[in-house]
Amino acid sequence: MKKLLSTIMALTVTTTILAGCGSKAVEDNTTEGEGNKLVVWCWDQSFNGAALKIAEDLYKKDNPDFTLEIVDMSKTDLEQKLNTNLVSGVTSGLPDFILANDINIAKYINSYEGAFADLSGKINYDDFSQYKVEGITIDGKQYAIPFDIGSAGMFYRSDYLEEAGFKAEDLENITWERYIEIGKVVKEKTGKDMLTVNPNEDTLIPIILNSAGSWFTTKDNKANFVGNEALIESLKVFKELSTSGIAKPVTGWSEFVGSFNNGDVATVISAVWQIPTIMDSKDQSGKWRVAPIPRLSNIDGAKNASNEGGSSWMVLESSKNKDLAIDFLAKTIGGNSDFYTEFLTNNGGVGSYTKAFTSEAYSKEIEFFGGQKVYQIFSEWSKEVPGITIGMYTQEAKDALKTEFSNIVNGGDIDKSLEAMQSLFEQQVQ
């Protein structure tokens, strides 16, 4: 019971647990679409909603009577409403399918038995970036259709690096030690910080950890802090970045974005979905480039590739139009290169459907990035991302991680911090 309640609290912090504590979904008088109509819940209409509009138009070519009702809500509200229904065992009012953050998928499947449709064999999962497929596979079954990727890279100001004496090839497939060395020269020659560091950071360390093929938890959802060499090395890098004089401290998203939009930093370690935000500064067109992220030098198999974020689509088992929902997703988001070409062209969205990577849209040269084919580059990097099992408790792990940042940066013993993180994590999920 404590584990279920912990899971519920993590999914929707503001939710008050309503009647009942059974986790098995109960079929009820759902109000999902009828006939040729589907209802979907998602957030961000300019991105995810726009993708669904493209998918609907494509599907209607062969199914002219089809309609799709898109219910827009914030991600937090979606998770809260979904959780409230499923924890009480009442599916009335639920949609036919939903958008889900990848880090929540294992929680949903393990917490709500039978609530989501098994999509194994419904689409060809070989056509997707395999690290995404591994993330939506639980006990050998696939419960979601992969959507957008968070393939990570190093965005950099070529003018700053050139002023400091570096060329593009100097940033290709480097280690974090070399990155820090370059950062010190950049700081000396240009006065610009190399990157930002947030004292409440919970994205950079996961990027580094994923690049080494490791995570905060094991495949059976146990804590993986103490003795995790990849995590130890990731924390050492974070400490060095924070104390080496090359990082600009920021708090919150606005300060982070402002740091590169205002030209204060030379690089941004982030995901492909950061491209539109970087391009907001029109006066910086032609000055940006992309290179692979640095890698850990002391971990065998560590890559110059990782992932940050991403989402997938899940079908509710209780949907009266479950087969229609699966067919709609399979023939659009789950297997149509035209969908991904249009999504990229119109909305800058990069999906995980590898068959689309060879389309003209992905190979377009982007003037803002000095003519680099940035979408193609990020897509190729996504093929190199180590596959990991995200498990059920990523948010709890990140919360435990952040409690020790101050100790680590200020010279505390990393092993003791790992013990404290693991203890806090285990208290949260037991």
Protein backbone atom coordinates (compact mmCIF):
# COMPACT_ATOMS: atom_id res chain seq x y z
CA MET A 1 0.00 0.00 0.00
CA LYS A 2 2.79 2.46 0.86
CA LYS A 3 4.41 1.83 -2.50
CA LEU A 4 1.19 2.49 -4.39
CA LEU A 5 0.53 5.70 -2.47
CA SER A 6 4.09 6.82 -3.12
CA THR A 7 3.60 6.19 -6.81
CA ILE A 8 0.34 8.12 -6.84
CA MET A 9 1.88 11.08 -5.05
CA ALA A 10 4.74 11.16 -7.52
CA LEU A 11 2.39 11.12 -10.49
CA THR A 12 0.18 13.92 -9.20
CA VAL A 13 1.59 15.88 -6.31
CA THR A 14 -1.55 17.88 -5.74
CA THR A 15 -3.99 15.01 -5.96
CA THR A 16 -6.00 14.04 -2.91
CA ILE A 17 -6.49 10.32 -2.94
CA LEU A 18 -10.15 9.61 -3.42
CA ALA A 19 -12.21 6.61 -2.54
CA GLY A 20 -10.62 3.21 -2.87
CA CYS A 21 -7.04 2.13 -3.08
CA GLY A 22 -7.24 -0.84 -5.45
CA SER A 23 -5.04 -0.47 -8.52
CA LYS A 24 -6.91 -2.56 -11.06
CA ALA A 25 -8.81 -0.51 -13.61
CA VAL A 26 -12.53 -1.29 -13.79
CA GLU A 27 -14.45 -0.97 -17.03
CA ASP A 28 -17.25 1.52 -16.57
CA ASN A 29 -19.52 3.72 -18.64
CA THR A 30 -16.69 5.52 -20.39
CA THR A 31 -17.34 8.67 -22.38
CA GLU A 32 -14.68 8.14 -25.00
CA GLY A 33 -15.41 8.61 -28.68
CA GLU A 34 -18.15 6.66 -30.39
CA GLY A 35 -18.36 5.24 -33.91
CA ASN A 36 -15.55 6.80 -35.94
CA LYS A 37 -14.65 9.35 -33.28
CA LEU A 38 -11.75 9.23 -30.84
CA VAL A 39 -11.01 11.38 -27.82
CA VAL A 40 -7.43 12.09 -26.75
CA TRP A 41 -5.88 13.98 -23.84
CA CYS A 42 -2.61 15.83 -24.34
CA TRP A 43 -0.76 19.02 -23.44
CA ASP A 44 0.88 21.74 -25.59
CA GLN A 45 -1.38 22.40 -28.56
CA SER A 46 1.35 24.10 -30.59
CA PHE A 47 3.40 20.90 -30.54
CA ASN A 48 1.54 17.75 -29.49
CA GLY A 49 -1.87 19.04 -30.54
CA ALA A 50 -0.47 20.12 -33.89
CA ALA A 51 0.96 16.64 -34.38
CA LEU A 52 -2.47 15.10 -33.79
CA LYS A 53 -4.03 17.46 -36.34
CA ILE A 54 -1.53 16.28 -38.93
CA ALA A 55 -2.24 12.65 -38.02
CA GLU A 56 -6.00 13.22 -38.23
CA ASP A 57 -5.76 14.74 -41.71
CA LEU A 58 -3.63 11.84 -42.94
CA TYR A 59 -5.97 9.23 -41.48
CA LYS A 60 -9.06 10.89 -42.94
CA LYS A 61 -7.77 10.36 -46.47
CA ASP A 62 -8.80 6.72 -46.18
CA ASN A 63 -11.37 7.24 -43.41
CA PRO A 64 -13.34 10.38 -44.33
CA ASP A 65 -15.89 9.94 -41.53
CA PHE A 66 -13.19 9.88 -38.84
CA THR A 67 -13.02 12.66 -36.27
CA LEU A 68 -10.61 13.32 -33.44
CA GLU A 69 -11.47 15.37 -30.36
CA ILE A 70 -8.33 16.77 -28.75
CA VAL A 71 -8.79 17.69 -25.09
CA ASP A 72 -6.13 20.22 -24.16
CA MET A 73 -4.87 20.43 -20.58
CA SER A 74 -1.59 21.00 -18.79
CA LYS A 75 0.64 17.98 -18.25
CA THR A 76 0.09 18.23 -14.50
CA ASP A 77 -3.68 18.38 -14.87
CA LEU A 78 -3.69 15.45 -17.28
CA GLU A 79 -1.69 13.28 -14.90
CA GLN A 80 -3.82 14.31 -11.95
CA LYS A 81 -7.11 13.61 -13.71
CA LEU A 82 -5.90 10.29 -15.09
CA ASN A 83 -4.56 9.23 -11.72
CA THR A 84 -7.75 10.23 -9.89
CA ASN A 85 -9.85 8.06 -12.19
CA LEU A 86 -7.59 5.05 -12.26
CA VAL A 87 -6.80 4.91 -8.55
CA SER A 88 -10.52 4.83 -7.80
CA GLY A 89 -11.07 2.14 -10.44
CA VAL A 90 -13.54 4.30 -12.36
CA THR A 91 -12.88 4.81 -16.07
CA SER A 92 -15.93 6.95 -16.75
CA GLY A 93 -14.84 10.08 -18.57
CA LEU A 94 -11.47 8.77 -19.65
CA PRO A 95 -10.39 9.28 -23.28
CA ASP A 96 -9.49 6.65 -25.86
CA PHE A 97 -5.78 7.42 -25.66
CA ILE A 98 -3.39 9.80 -23.95
CA LEU A 99 0.03 11.36 -24.26
CA ALA A 100 2.39 10.17 -21.52
CA ASN A 101 5.82 11.32 -20.40
CA ASP A 102 8.19 8.40 -20.95
CA ILE A 103 9.30 8.43 -17.31
CA ASN A 104 5.69 7.74 -16.22
CA ILE A 105 4.91 4.78 -18.46
CA ALA A 106 6.30 2.05 -16.20
CA LYS A 107 4.46 3.62 -13.25
CA TYR A 108 1.17 3.54 -15.07
CA ILE A 109 1.56 -0.07 -16.15
CA ASN A 110 2.72 -1.34 -12.77
CA SER A 111 0.30 0.71 -10.69
CA TYR A 112 -2.87 0.20 -12.73
CA GLU A 113 -3.14 -3.40 -13.82
CA GLY A 114 -5.04 -3.80 -17.06
CA ALA A 115 -5.64 -0.08 -17.59
CA PHE A 116 -3.62 0.24 -20.79
CA ALA A 117 -3.69 -1.77 -24.00
CA ASP A 118 -0.86 -4.10 -24.87
CA LEU A 119 0.35 -2.85 -28.26
CA SER A 120 2.85 -5.64 -28.89
CA GLY A 121 2.71 -6.69 -32.53
CA LYS A 122 0.43 -3.81 -33.49
CA ILE A 123 3.25 -1.79 -35.06
CA ASN A 124 6.79 -2.56 -36.17
CA TYR A 125 8.90 -1.43 -33.23
CA ASP A 126 12.05 -2.13 -35.24
CA ASP A 127 11.30 1.11 -37.09
CA PHE A 128 11.81 3.24 -33.97
CA SER A 129 14.89 4.38 -32.05
CA GLN A 130 15.53 1.36 -29.88
CA TYR A 131 16.26 3.26 -26.68
CA LYS A 132 12.70 4.62 -26.95
CA VAL A 133 11.31 1.12 -27.45
CA GLU A 134 13.18 -0.17 -24.40
CA GLY A 135 11.66 2.63 -22.35
CA ILE A 136 8.07 1.61 -23.16
CA THR A 137 8.65 -2.15 -22.83
CA ILE A 138 7.54 -3.72 -19.55
CA ASP A 139 7.92 -7.46 -18.97
CA GLY A 140 8.54 -8.02 -22.67
CA LYS A 141 5.41 -6.17 -23.83
CA GLN A 142 5.05 -2.76 -25.46
CA TYR A 143 2.43 -0.45 -23.97
CA ALA A 144 2.97 2.74 -25.96
CA ILE A 145 3.81 4.11 -29.38
CA PRO A 146 7.04 6.13 -29.26
CA PHE A 147 6.68 9.75 -30.30
CA ASP A 148 9.17 12.62 -29.97
CA ILE A 149 12.78 12.14 -29.00
CA GLY A 150 15.01 14.07 -26.66
CA SER A 151 18.29 13.21 -28.36
CA ALA A 152 20.88 15.37 -26.62
CA GLY A 153 23.67 17.45 -28.11
CA MET A 154 26.02 20.32 -27.42
CA PHE A 155 24.84 23.57 -28.97
CA TYR A 156 27.71 26.03 -29.21
CA ARG A 157 28.50 29.56 -30.32
CA SER A 158 31.01 29.09 -33.11
CA ASP A 159 32.12 32.72 -32.91
CA TYR A 160 33.05 32.39 -29.23
CA LEU A 161 34.91 29.13 -29.79
CA GLU A 162 36.78 30.55 -32.78
CA GLU A 163 37.76 33.63 -30.77
CA ALA A 164 39.22 31.24 -28.19
CA GLY A 165 41.17 29.41 -30.90
CA PHE A 166 39.02 26.31 -31.40
CA LYS A 167 37.61 24.75 -34.56
CA ALA A 168 34.57 22.57 -35.05
CA GLU A 169 36.63 19.38 -35.03
CA ASP A 170 37.98 20.30 -31.60
CA LEU A 171 34.50 19.66 -30.15
CA GLU A 172 33.80 16.32 -31.83
CA ASN A 173 33.51 13.30 -29.53
CA ILE A 174 35.40 14.82 -26.62
CA THR A 175 35.49 13.82 -22.96
CA TRP A 176 34.14 15.94 -20.13
CA GLU A 177 37.69 16.63 -19.01
CA ARG A 178 38.48 18.10 -22.41
CA TYR A 179 35.23 20.07 -22.39
CA ILE A 180 36.23 21.70 -19.10
CA GLU A 181 39.72 22.48 -20.44
CA ILE A 182 38.17 24.16 -23.48
CA GLY A 183 35.77 26.02 -21.22
CA LYS A 184 38.61 27.53 -19.22
CA VAL A 185 40.25 28.83 -22.38
CA VAL A 186 36.94 30.23 -23.63
CA LYS A 187 36.43 32.01 -20.31
CA GLU A 188 39.95 33.46 -20.42
CA LYS A 189 39.84 34.56 -24.06
CA THR A 190 36.23 35.77 -24.35
CA GLY A 191 34.98 36.37 -20.82
CA LYS A 192 32.03 34.09 -21.58
CA ASP A 193 30.97 31.20 -19.37
CA MET A 194 30.99 27.79 -21.00
CA LEU A 195 27.55 26.73 -19.74
CA THR A 196 24.95 27.22 -17.03
CA VAL A 197 24.64 25.28 -13.79
CA ASN A 198 21.45 25.20 -11.76
CA PRO A 199 21.73 24.37 -8.03
CA ASN A 200 18.37 22.61 -8.42
CA GLU A 201 19.56 20.85 -11.57
CA ASP A 202 17.94 17.56 -12.46
CA THR A 203 18.67 17.26 -16.20
CA LEU A 204 22.44 17.40 -16.77
CA ILE A 205 23.32 14.48 -14.50
CA PRO A 206 20.65 12.23 -16.06
CA ILE A 207 22.03 13.13 -19.50
CA ILE A 208 25.54 12.13 -18.43
CA LEU A 209 24.31 8.99 -16.66
CA ASN A 210 22.23 7.83 -19.63
CA SER A 211 25.21 8.31 -21.93
CA ALA A 212 27.02 5.67 -19.87
CA GLY A 213 24.13 3.22 -20.15
CA SER A 214 23.22 3.55 -16.48
CA TRP A 215 20.32 4.90 -14.42
CA PHE A 216 19.30 5.68 -10.84
CA THR A 217 17.39 2.42 -10.50
CA THR A 218 17.87 -1.20 -11.50
CA LYS A 219 15.64 -3.14 -13.88
CA ASP A 220 13.60 -4.33 -10.89
CA ASN A 221 13.11 -0.74 -9.62
CA LYS A 222 15.64 -0.98 -6.81
CA ALA A 223 17.90 1.92 -5.82
CA ASN A 224 21.11 2.18 -7.85
CA PHE A 225 23.00 4.97 -6.10
CA VAL A 226 25.61 3.36 -3.86
CA GLY A 227 28.40 1.78 -5.86
CA ASN A 228 27.09 3.05 -9.21
CA GLU A 229 30.36 4.01 -10.90
CA ALA A 230 28.67 5.88 -13.74
CA LEU A 231 26.73 7.99 -11.24
CA ILE A 232 29.88 8.62 -9.19
CA GLU A 233 31.69 9.87 -12.30
CA SER A 234 28.66 11.96 -13.32
CA LEU A 235 28.65 13.68 -9.93
CA LYS A 236 32.38 14.34 -10.17
CA VAL A 237 31.80 16.04 -13.52
CA PHE A 238 28.95 18.10 -12.09
CA LYS A 239 31.14 19.17 -9.17
CA GLU A 240 34.00 20.15 -11.47
CA LEU A 241 31.69 22.08 -13.78
CA SER A 242 30.23 23.92 -10.79
CA THR A 243 33.54 24.85 -9.20
CA SER A 244 35.90 25.37 -12.15
CA GLY A 245 34.84 28.95 -12.84
CA ILE A 246 33.35 28.23 -16.28
CA ALA A 247 29.69 27.95 -15.31
CA LYS A 248 27.04 30.66 -14.96
CA PRO A 249 24.67 29.95 -12.03
CA VAL A 250 20.99 30.14 -12.96
CA THR A 251 17.74 29.33 -11.21
CA GLY A 252 14.69 28.45 -13.21
CA TRP A 253 13.82 28.14 -16.88
CA SER A 254 13.73 31.86 -17.67
CA GLU A 255 17.27 32.48 -16.44
CA PHE A 256 18.47 29.39 -18.28
CA VAL A 257 16.96 30.51 -21.59
CA GLY A 258 18.11 34.07 -21.04
CA SER A 259 21.69 32.90 -20.60
CA PHE A 260 21.99 31.78 -24.21
CA ASN A 261 19.45 34.09 -25.83
CA ASN A 262 21.44 37.01 -24.36
CA GLY A 263 24.75 35.56 -25.49
CA ASP A 264 26.13 34.93 -22.00
CA VAL A 265 27.29 31.33 -22.51
CA ALA A 266 29.27 29.52 -25.17
CA THR A 267 27.45 26.16 -25.06
CA VAL A 268 24.13 24.61 -24.11
CA ILE A 269 23.91 20.90 -23.27
CA SER A 270 20.33 20.02 -24.06
CA ALA A 271 17.95 18.10 -26.33
CA VAL A 272 16.85 18.52 -29.92
CA TRP A 273 13.62 20.17 -28.76
CA GLN A 274 15.73 23.12 -27.59
CA ILE A 275 16.30 24.19 -31.21
CA PRO A 276 13.27 26.52 -31.56
CA THR A 277 14.15 28.31 -28.29
CA ILE A 278 17.75 28.88 -29.36
CA MET A 279 16.52 30.14 -32.74
CA ASP A 280 14.32 32.73 -31.01
CA SER A 281 17.35 35.05 -31.01
CA LYS A 282 17.27 36.01 -34.68
CA ASP A 283 20.32 38.24 -34.34
CA GLN A 284 22.42 35.14 -33.55
CA SER A 285 21.62 33.39 -36.83
CA GLY A 286 24.68 31.75 -38.34
CA LYS A 287 26.61 31.85 -35.07
CA TRP A 288 25.40 28.55 -33.61
CA ARG A 289 26.52 25.00 -34.36
CA VAL A 290 25.93 21.57 -32.82
CA ALA A 291 28.36 18.85 -31.70
CA PRO A 292 27.93 15.59 -29.76
CA ILE A 293 27.77 15.81 -25.98
CA PRO A 294 30.99 15.01 -24.09
CA ARG A 295 31.37 11.51 -22.66
CA LEU A 296 32.65 10.02 -19.41
CA SER A 297 36.26 8.91 -19.85
CA ASN A 298 36.40 6.37 -17.01
CA ILE A 299 33.34 4.27 -17.90
CA ASP A 300 33.65 1.50 -20.49
CA GLY A 301 31.09 1.87 -23.25
CA ALA A 302 30.18 5.48 -22.45
CA LYS A 303 28.89 7.30 -25.53
CA ASN A 304 28.87 10.84 -26.88
CA ALA A 305 25.09 10.41 -27.09
CA SER A 306 22.21 10.61 -24.64
CA ASN A 307 18.58 11.60 -24.23
CA GLU A 308 16.59 14.17 -22.29
CA GLY A 309 12.82 13.95 -22.14
CA GLY A 310 10.37 12.54 -24.67
CA SER A 311 6.83 11.21 -24.70
CA SER A 312 4.71 8.40 -26.16
CA TRP A 313 1.04 7.59 -26.81
CA MET A 314 -0.91 5.06 -24.72
CA VAL A 315 -4.30 3.52 -25.47
CA LEU A 316 -6.79 2.94 -22.64
CA GLU A 317 -7.93 -0.68 -22.37
CA SER A 318 -11.37 0.55 -21.33
CA SER A 319 -11.90 2.45 -24.61
CA LYS A 320 -14.91 1.24 -26.55
CA ASN A 321 -12.99 2.25 -29.66
CA LYS A 322 -9.72 0.65 -28.64
CA ASP A 323 -9.19 -1.03 -32.03
CA LEU A 324 -9.85 2.22 -33.85
CA ALA A 325 -7.43 4.08 -31.59
CA ILE A 326 -4.73 1.49 -32.24
CA ASP A 327 -5.37 1.56 -35.99
CA PHE A 328 -5.26 5.37 -36.06
CA LEU A 329 -1.96 5.51 -34.20
CA ALA A 330 -0.42 2.61 -36.12
CA LYS A 331 -1.14 4.21 -39.50
CA THR A 332 0.04 7.69 -38.54
CA ILE A 333 2.40 8.28 -35.62
CA GLY A 334 3.31 4.60 -35.48
CA GLY A 335 4.23 4.06 -39.10
CA ASN A 336 3.98 6.95 -41.54
CA SER A 337 7.01 8.90 -42.78
CA ASP A 338 4.75 11.58 -44.28
CA PHE A 339 3.46 12.37 -40.80
CA TYR A 340 6.96 12.95 -39.41
CA THR A 341 8.06 14.95 -42.44
CA GLU A 342 5.12 17.32 -42.07
CA PHE A 343 5.51 17.49 -38.29
CA LEU A 344 9.15 18.50 -38.62
CA THR A 345 8.51 20.97 -41.44
CA ASN A 346 5.57 22.71 -39.77
CA ASN A 347 6.39 22.40 -36.07
CA GLY A 348 10.06 21.54 -35.70
CA GLY A 349 9.14 18.22 -34.11
CA VAL A 350 11.63 15.36 -34.31
CA GLY A 351 10.15 11.92 -33.85
CA SER A 352 11.68 8.55 -33.11
CA TYR A 353 10.46 6.87 -36.32
CA THR A 354 13.76 6.04 -37.99
CA LYS A 355 12.31 5.47 -41.47
CA ALA A 356 11.58 9.20 -41.64
CA PHE A 357 15.19 10.17 -40.99
CA THR A 358 16.08 9.95 -44.69
CA SER A 359 13.39 12.39 -45.81
CA GLU A 360 14.24 15.74 -47.35
CA ALA A 361 12.89 17.59 -44.30
CA TYR A 362 15.47 15.97 -42.03
CA SER A 363 18.34 16.68 -44.43
CA LYS A 364 17.54 20.38 -44.83
CA GLU A 365 20.43 22.74 -44.16
CA ILE A 366 19.57 25.23 -41.41
CA GLU A 367 21.03 28.67 -41.98
CA PHE A 368 20.79 29.57 -38.28
CA PHE A 369 23.25 26.77 -37.55
CA GLY A 370 25.68 27.71 -40.29
CA GLY A 371 24.13 25.35 -42.81
CA GLN A 372 24.36 22.24 -40.65
CA LYS A 373 21.69 19.60 -41.19
CA VAL A 374 20.87 19.72 -37.51
CA TYR A 375 17.72 17.59 -37.56
CA GLN A 376 19.47 14.84 -39.45
CA ILE A 377 22.44 15.10 -37.09
CA PHE A 378 20.29 14.74 -33.96
CA SER A 379 18.37 11.87 -35.56
CA GLU A 380 21.60 10.00 -36.23
CA TRP A 381 22.75 10.62 -32.67
CA SER A 382 19.50 9.12 -31.40
CA LYS A 383 20.56 5.77 -32.86
CA GLU A 384 23.60 5.80 -30.57
CA VAL A 385 21.80 6.52 -27.30
CA PRO A 386 22.36 3.63 -24.86
CA GLY A 387 19.15 1.82 -24.03
CA ILE A 388 18.25 1.86 -20.36
CA THR A 389 15.35 0.73 -18.21
CA ILE A 390 13.84 3.91 -16.78
CA GLY A 391 11.65 2.08 -14.29
CA MET A 392 8.95 3.49 -12.06
CA TYR A 393 10.73 5.95 -9.81
CA THR A 394 12.75 8.42 -11.86
CA GLN A 395 11.18 11.48 -10.28
CA GLU A 396 11.77 10.18 -6.77
CA ALA A 397 15.39 9.48 -7.73
CA LYS A 398 15.84 13.01 -9.09
CA ASP A 399 14.31 14.46 -5.94
CA ALA A 400 16.77 12.50 -3.79
CA LEU A 401 19.62 13.52 -6.07
CA LYS A 402 18.99 17.24 -5.66
CA THR A 403 19.13 17.11 -1.88
CA GLU A 404 22.88 16.42 -1.98
CA PHE A 405 24.01 18.85 -4.69
CA SER A 406 25.11 21.47 -2.18
CA ASN A 407 27.17 18.97 -0.18
CA ILE A 408 28.85 17.62 -3.30
CA VAL A 409 29.68 21.01 -4.81
CA ASN A 410 31.06 22.23 -1.47
CA GLY A 411 33.52 19.37 -1.20
CA GLY A 412 31.49 16.75 0.63
CA ASP A 413 32.19 13.05 0.36
CA ILE A 414 30.39 11.72 -2.74
CA ASP A 415 30.06 8.21 -1.32
CA LYS A 416 28.32 9.55 1.78
CA SER A 417 26.04 11.67 -0.41
CA LEU A 418 25.14 8.58 -2.42
CA GLU A 419 24.26 6.74 0.77
CA ALA A 420 22.04 9.65 1.83
CA MET A 421 20.36 9.74 -1.60
CA GLN A 422 19.70 6.02 -1.56
CA SER A 423 18.28 6.16 1.97
CA LEU A 424 15.92 9.00 1.06
CA PHE A 425 14.89 7.30 -2.17
CA GLU A 426 14.08 4.05 -0.39
CA GLN A 427 12.00 5.92 2.20
CA GLN A 428 10.00 7.52 -0.61
CA VAL A 429 9.17 4.34 -2.49
CA GLN A 430 8.95 1.63 0.17
